Protein backbone atom coordinates (compact mmCIF):
# COMPACT_ATOMS: atom_id res chain seq x y z
CA PRO A 1 -0.12 0.05 0.07
CA VAL A 2 0.99 3.65 -0.80
CA THR A 3 1.69 5.83 2.41
CA ASP A 4 -0.26 8.95 2.57
CA ASP A 5 1.49 12.40 2.80
CA ILE A 6 1.44 13.67 6.11
CA GLU A 7 0.42 17.26 7.15
CA GLU A 8 0.51 18.51 10.70
CA GLU A 9 -0.26 21.59 12.10
CA VAL A 10 1.15 22.73 15.77
CA THR A 11 1.00 25.96 18.03
CA ILE A 12 4.08 26.66 19.94
CA CYS A 13 5.53 29.58 21.95
CA GLU A 14 6.75 32.36 19.85
CA GLY A 15 10.48 32.25 19.40
CA SER A 16 10.74 28.58 20.44
CA ASN A 17 11.36 25.13 18.64
CA TYR A 18 9.20 22.47 18.08
CA GLU A 19 10.68 18.91 18.06
CA TRP A 20 9.20 17.03 15.32
CA ASP A 21 9.16 13.22 15.85
CA LEU A 22 8.84 11.90 12.14
CA ASN A 23 9.49 8.37 10.99
CA GLY A 24 12.02 7.37 13.86
CA GLU A 25 13.76 10.79 13.43
CA THR A 26 13.47 14.17 15.39
CA TYR A 27 13.65 17.49 13.97
CA SER A 28 13.88 20.83 15.86
CA VAL A 29 12.03 23.17 13.60
CA SER A 30 11.50 26.98 14.29
CA ASP A 31 10.05 28.16 10.90
CA SER A 32 7.33 26.85 8.77
CA PRO A 33 6.25 25.48 6.47
CA VAL A 34 8.47 22.70 6.40
CA MET A 35 8.28 19.93 3.80
CA ILE A 36 10.42 16.81 4.09
CA ASN A 37 10.47 13.97 1.22
CA LEU A 38 10.69 10.61 2.98
CA GLU A 39 10.71 7.01 1.76
CA ASP A 40 8.59 4.08 3.25
CA SER A 41 9.60 0.35 3.79
CA ASN A 42 8.22 -0.45 0.23
CA GLY A 43 10.57 2.15 -1.19
CA CYS A 44 7.62 4.64 -2.01
CA GLU A 45 8.14 8.41 -1.58
CA TYR A 46 5.82 10.33 0.39
CA LYS A 47 5.89 14.13 1.79
CA ALA A 48 5.66 15.42 5.48
CA THR A 49 4.77 18.92 5.77
CA LEU A 50 4.85 20.77 9.11
CA ILE A 51 2.95 24.04 9.83
CA ILE A 52 3.98 26.20 12.82
CA ASN A 53 1.53 28.71 14.52
CA GLU A 54 3.17 30.90 17.11
CA GLU A 55 1.58 32.79 19.93
CA VAL A 56 2.97 34.69 23.13
CA CYS A 57 2.91 32.30 26.12
CA GLY A 58 5.12 33.68 28.76
CA GLY A 59 8.18 31.98 27.95
CA GLY A 60 7.17 28.51 28.60
CA SER A 61 7.88 25.56 26.45
CA CYS A 62 4.98 24.10 24.07
CA GLU A 63 4.41 20.54 23.06
CA THR A 64 1.70 18.40 21.30
CA ALA A 65 0.01 16.03 23.69
CA PHE A 66 -2.23 12.64 23.59
CA ALA A 67 -4.10 10.83 26.12
CA ARG A 68 -2.99 7.31 27.09
CA TYR A 69 -5.49 4.90 28.86
CA GLU A 70 -3.02 2.28 30.50
CA ASN A 71 -5.68 -0.55 30.59
CA ASP A 72 -6.24 -0.72 26.71
CA ASN A 73 -4.21 1.58 24.25
CA THR A 74 -2.29 1.19 20.77
CA CYS A 75 0.37 3.46 19.53
CA PHE A 76 -0.26 5.03 16.23
CA ILE A 77 3.24 3.66 15.31
CA ASP A 78 2.46 0.27 15.96
CA ASP A 79 -0.33 0.56 13.40
CA GLY A 80 2.08 1.96 10.65
CA PHE A 81 1.57 5.44 10.91
CA GLN A 82 4.53 7.97 11.11
CA ARG A 83 3.54 9.95 14.24
CA TRP A 84 3.23 8.91 17.87
CA GLY A 85 0.13 9.22 19.85
CA TRP A 86 -2.57 6.54 21.24
CA THR A 87 -6.14 5.24 20.31
CA ASN A 88 -8.02 3.88 23.57
CA LEU A 89 -10.58 1.25 23.86
CA PHE A 90 -13.51 1.44 26.10
CA SER A 91 -16.49 -0.38 26.84
CA THR A 92 -19.69 1.91 26.74
CA ASN A 93 -21.24 0.36 29.97
CA ASN A 94 -21.47 3.05 32.64
CA GLY A 95 -18.23 3.72 34.17
CA SER A 96 -15.58 6.53 34.75
CA TYR A 97 -12.27 6.12 33.24
CA THR A 98 -8.94 8.35 33.80
CA LEU A 99 -6.34 8.79 30.98
CA ASP A 100 -3.04 10.17 31.42
CA PHE A 101 -2.12 13.09 29.13
CA TYR A 102 1.36 13.01 27.84
CA ALA A 103 3.31 15.82 26.17
CA GLY A 104 6.07 15.39 23.80
CA ALA A 105 6.29 11.56 24.35
CA GLY A 106 7.93 10.92 21.06
CA GLN A 107 7.64 7.19 19.63
CA CYS A 108 5.23 6.76 22.43
CA VAL A 109 7.97 6.71 24.82
CA ILE A 110 6.34 7.53 28.28
CA ASN A 111 7.80 9.10 31.66
CA ALA A 112 6.52 10.74 34.69
CA ASP A 113 7.86 14.32 33.73
CA ARG A 114 5.91 14.16 30.14
CA LYS A 115 2.66 13.72 32.07
CA TRP A 116 1.04 17.34 31.84
CA GLY A 117 -2.26 16.51 32.76
CA GLU A 118 -5.50 13.90 32.56
CA VAL A 119 -8.20 13.21 30.59
CA GLN A 120 -11.32 12.07 32.27
CA VAL A 121 -14.02 10.00 30.42
CA GLU A 122 -17.43 9.17 31.68
CA PHE A 123 -20.13 6.77 30.15
CA ASN A 124 -23.71 7.33 31.60
CA ASN A 125 -26.69 5.75 29.81
CA GLY A 126 -25.27 5.62 26.48
CA MET A 127 -23.62 9.24 26.41
CA ALA A 128 -19.89 9.74 26.63
CA LYS A 129 -18.51 12.97 28.43
CA VAL A 130 -14.97 13.46 27.85
CA THR A 131 -12.89 16.27 29.80
CA VAL A 132 -9.24 17.53 29.67
CA ASN A 133 -7.68 18.60 32.98
CA MET A 134 -4.20 20.32 32.55
CA ASP A 135 -2.14 19.83 35.98
CA ASN A 136 -1.00 22.69 37.68
CA GLY A 137 1.75 24.84 35.91
CA TYR A 138 0.59 23.85 32.32
CA VAL A 139 -2.20 25.09 30.02
CA LEU A 140 -4.12 24.21 27.15
CA ASN A 141 -4.42 26.02 23.71
CA VAL A 142 -6.43 23.84 21.53
CA THR A 143 -7.82 20.15 21.83
CA GLN A 144 -9.42 17.74 19.16
CA MET A 145 -11.09 14.35 20.11
CA TYR A 146 -12.34 11.53 17.97
CA ILE A 147 -14.60 8.90 19.34
CA GLY A 148 -16.23 6.07 17.42
CA GLY A 149 -16.64 2.18 16.33
CA GLU A 150 -13.67 2.31 14.18
CA LYS A 151 -10.16 2.37 15.45
CA TYR A 152 -9.15 5.38 13.80
CA PRO A 153 -11.14 8.23 11.89
CA THR A 154 -11.23 8.33 8.39
CA LYS A 155 -10.27 10.80 5.38
CA GLY A 156 -12.79 11.97 2.61
CA ASN A 157 -11.07 8.92 0.57
CA GLY A 158 -11.97 6.36 3.16
CA MET A 159 -8.40 5.67 4.49
CA PRO A 160 -7.52 5.83 8.34
CA THR A 161 -5.80 8.94 9.66
CA VAL A 162 -4.35 10.08 12.84
CA ALA A 163 -3.98 13.70 11.98
CA PRO A 164 -5.70 15.65 14.60
CA GLY A 165 -7.23 18.21 12.07
CA GLN A 166 -9.39 15.34 10.99
CA TYR A 167 -10.72 14.28 14.25
CA PRO A 168 -14.59 15.42 14.42
CA TYR A 169 -14.56 17.29 17.67
CA ASN A 170 -12.51 20.53 17.75
CA SER A 171 -12.47 23.03 20.56
CA GLY A 172 -11.04 26.18 18.47
CA GLU A 173 -8.36 28.33 20.07
CA LEU A 174 -8.87 28.04 23.82
CA ASN A 175 -6.25 30.71 24.79
CA GLU A 176 -4.41 28.93 27.85
CA VAL A 177 -7.23 27.26 29.91
CA SER A 178 -6.80 24.66 32.62
CA SER A 179 -9.81 22.46 31.53
CA TYR A 180 -12.18 21.67 28.52
CA GLU A 181 -15.17 19.71 28.50
CA PHE A 182 -16.10 18.49 24.98
CA GLU A 183 -19.80 18.31 24.12
CA GLU A 184 -21.50 14.94 25.27
CA VAL A 185 -21.55 12.13 22.44
CA ASP A 186 -24.27 9.49 21.94
CA VAL A 187 -22.59 6.00 21.82
CA SER A 188 -25.82 4.14 22.73
CA THR A 189 -25.86 2.04 19.50
CA LEU A 190 -22.21 0.91 20.09
CA ASP A 191 -20.80 -1.70 22.91
CA ASN A 192 -17.21 -0.49 22.70
CA VAL A 193 -15.65 2.96 21.35
CA TYR A 194 -12.14 4.08 20.50
CA ILE A 195 -11.09 7.68 21.72
CA ILE A 196 -8.32 9.78 20.75
CA VAL A 197 -7.36 12.85 22.33
CA HIS A 198 -5.15 15.36 21.12
CA GLY A 199 -3.94 18.67 22.56
CA ASP A 200 -1.49 21.60 22.18
CA VAL A 201 -0.16 22.30 25.64
CA CYS A 202 2.28 24.86 27.04
CA GLU A 203 4.03 25.64 30.28
CA GLY A 204 2.38 28.28 32.04
CA GLN A 205 -0.42 29.41 34.51
CA SER A 206 -4.05 29.73 33.32
CA GLN A 207 -6.05 32.82 33.95
CA THR A 208 -9.27 30.83 32.62
CA ASN A 209 -10.30 27.78 34.87
CA SER A 210 -12.32 25.82 32.40
CA ILE A 211 -14.14 26.11 29.40
CA GLN A 212 -17.14 23.74 27.88
CA ASN A 213 -17.78 23.50 24.21
CA THR A 214 -21.06 25.34 24.37
CA LYS A 215 -19.32 28.55 25.07
CA LEU A 216 -17.12 28.16 21.77
CA ASN A 217 -19.90 27.09 19.34
CA GLY A 218 -21.65 30.66 18.85
CA LEU A 219 -19.20 31.50 15.72
CA ALA A 220 -20.84 29.75 12.65
CA SER A 221 -23.81 27.75 12.87
CA PHE A 222 -26.17 25.68 10.51
CA LYS A 223 -29.53 24.38 10.48
CA THR A 224 -30.76 21.62 7.96
CA PHE A 225 -34.07 20.63 6.48
CA GLN A 226 -35.40 18.23 3.70
CA LYS A 227 -38.56 18.33 1.69
CA PRO A 228 -40.76 15.54 1.78
CA PHE A 229 -40.64 12.66 -1.12
CA THR A 230 -37.15 14.40 -2.30
CA LYS A 231 -33.61 13.31 -2.35
CA THR A 232 -31.74 16.41 -1.56
CA ILE A 233 -30.94 17.97 1.93
CA THR A 234 -30.73 21.97 2.24
CA MET A 235 -28.40 23.37 4.94
CA GLU A 236 -28.58 27.00 5.91
CA LEU A 237 -25.15 27.92 7.16
CA ASN A 238 -24.74 31.23 8.76
CA MET A 239 -20.89 32.46 8.66
CA PRO A 240 -19.93 35.56 10.66
CA TYR A 241 -16.62 35.26 9.00
CA SER A 242 -15.09 34.22 5.68
CA SER A 243 -13.58 31.13 5.56
CA HIS A 244 -12.75 27.70 3.74
CA ILE A 245 -14.95 25.09 4.63
CA ASP A 246 -15.34 21.04 4.31
CA VAL A 247 -18.55 19.31 4.57
CA ASP A 248 -18.90 15.61 5.42
CA PHE A 249 -21.43 13.11 6.14
CA MET A 250 -20.55 10.53 8.61
CA ASP A 251 -22.27 7.45 10.29
CA LEU A 252 -22.73 7.26 14.26
CA SER A 253 -19.31 5.52 14.58
CA GLY A 254 -17.52 8.47 12.99
CA ARG A 255 -16.73 6.91 9.73
CA VAL A 256 -16.77 9.48 6.78
CA ILE A 257 -19.75 8.19 4.39
CA ASN A 258 -19.46 11.18 1.90
CA SER A 259 -17.33 14.14 1.34
CA SER A 260 -19.81 16.53 0.02
CA MET A 261 -18.18 20.03 -0.42
CA THR A 262 -15.11 21.84 0.00
CA ARG A 263 -15.21 25.63 -0.91
CA ASN A 264 -14.41 29.09 0.10
CA LEU A 265 -17.53 31.20 1.65
CA THR A 266 -17.93 34.90 2.35
CA LYS A 267 -19.10 36.33 5.56
CA GLY A 268 -23.00 35.84 5.58
CA LYS A 269 -26.01 33.30 5.12
CA HIS A 270 -25.33 30.52 2.54
CA MET A 271 -27.81 27.84 1.37
CA MET A 272 -26.34 24.61 0.11
CA HIS A 273 -27.72 21.58 -1.29
CA PHE A 274 -26.85 17.85 -0.91
CA GLU A 275 -27.94 14.69 -2.89
CA THR A 276 -28.73 11.66 -0.67
CA ASN A 277 -28.89 9.04 -3.18
CA ASN A 278 -25.77 7.07 -1.84
CA LEU A 279 -26.92 7.70 2.02
CA ALA A 280 -29.18 5.30 3.73
CA SER A 281 -32.39 6.21 5.43
CA GLU A 282 -30.96 6.49 8.62
CA VAL A 283 -29.57 8.81 11.35
CA HIS A 284 -26.32 10.53 10.13
CA ILE A 285 -23.47 12.97 11.55
CA LEU A 286 -23.16 16.06 9.22
CA LYS A 287 -19.75 17.99 10.04
CA VAL A 288 -18.74 21.29 9.11
CA ARG A 289 -15.13 22.40 9.32
CA THR A 290 -14.32 26.03 9.13
CA ASP A 291 -10.77 27.72 9.42
CA ARG A 292 -11.85 28.46 13.08
CA GLU A 293 -13.96 25.58 14.47
CA VAL A 294 -15.71 22.01 13.67
CA ILE A 295 -19.49 22.03 14.02
CA ILE A 296 -21.41 18.82 14.21
CA LYS A 297 -25.12 17.76 14.41
CA LYS A 298 -27.09 14.78 14.00
CA VAL A 299 -29.47 14.62 10.67
CA ILE A 300 -32.13 11.85 9.64
CA ILE A 301 -32.20 11.28 6.13
CA PHE A 302 -35.43 10.33 4.63
CA LYS A 303 -36.30 8.47 1.18
């Protein structure tokens, strides 16, 4: 199989370097974009691109972080991906779990000084709640989460991916908070789920205790409707800013069924129409990704 190109975007403190762990090598990077040509085990060439965003964060170092559940986890590298991190398996029966949140743990090598926080996972009556809590002295700038019945999320071409930008739940910019709670996810149709939690984290003291996702979803918004006896869904999207957008239909496990649209939109109201010929008559998840946020809603397809 051909190895897909890699694109990674990180946020670091202004003037600092980012330690990029890639294919068994570590690169110290300060400017971006950086593009590296690599070769996989089959001799096929692929490209890795790193984009760095800088921010002022009081002089502390910044890292990328992933959650690890000690009792049941798989390192991305063990499944053939070219970056570190973990996918974690849980039963959806009622219960609570604590995952360690490791920063800069290249090659999935963990030690005590790399643990910068914890992630709490709670299953209750078919709903899953996930909360990221930073340890004292560390802050969270952005976090993304995947939760679904498949081991990894998928790209528009159906191939699995571990790139955080592809995870369906995204906090948007948080500005150095100590805690973030994702919106609850309905997992009532699944016996087991995989969870991946990523974050951009820094050393520092938070000026904001915690943020819930509901405080961040007031940027863009949309609603959908389908006329009876038609095979078209209409989405009314309100954009308070200009942005590139991607629209995907997913099943309840988080698997992309149809990548329906990618375009640039100006500020204002937009009406978009989607054919549902290749979608089953059932509940789907509609995901809209902008340059600033990810918005997710359930939609019911009628035929």
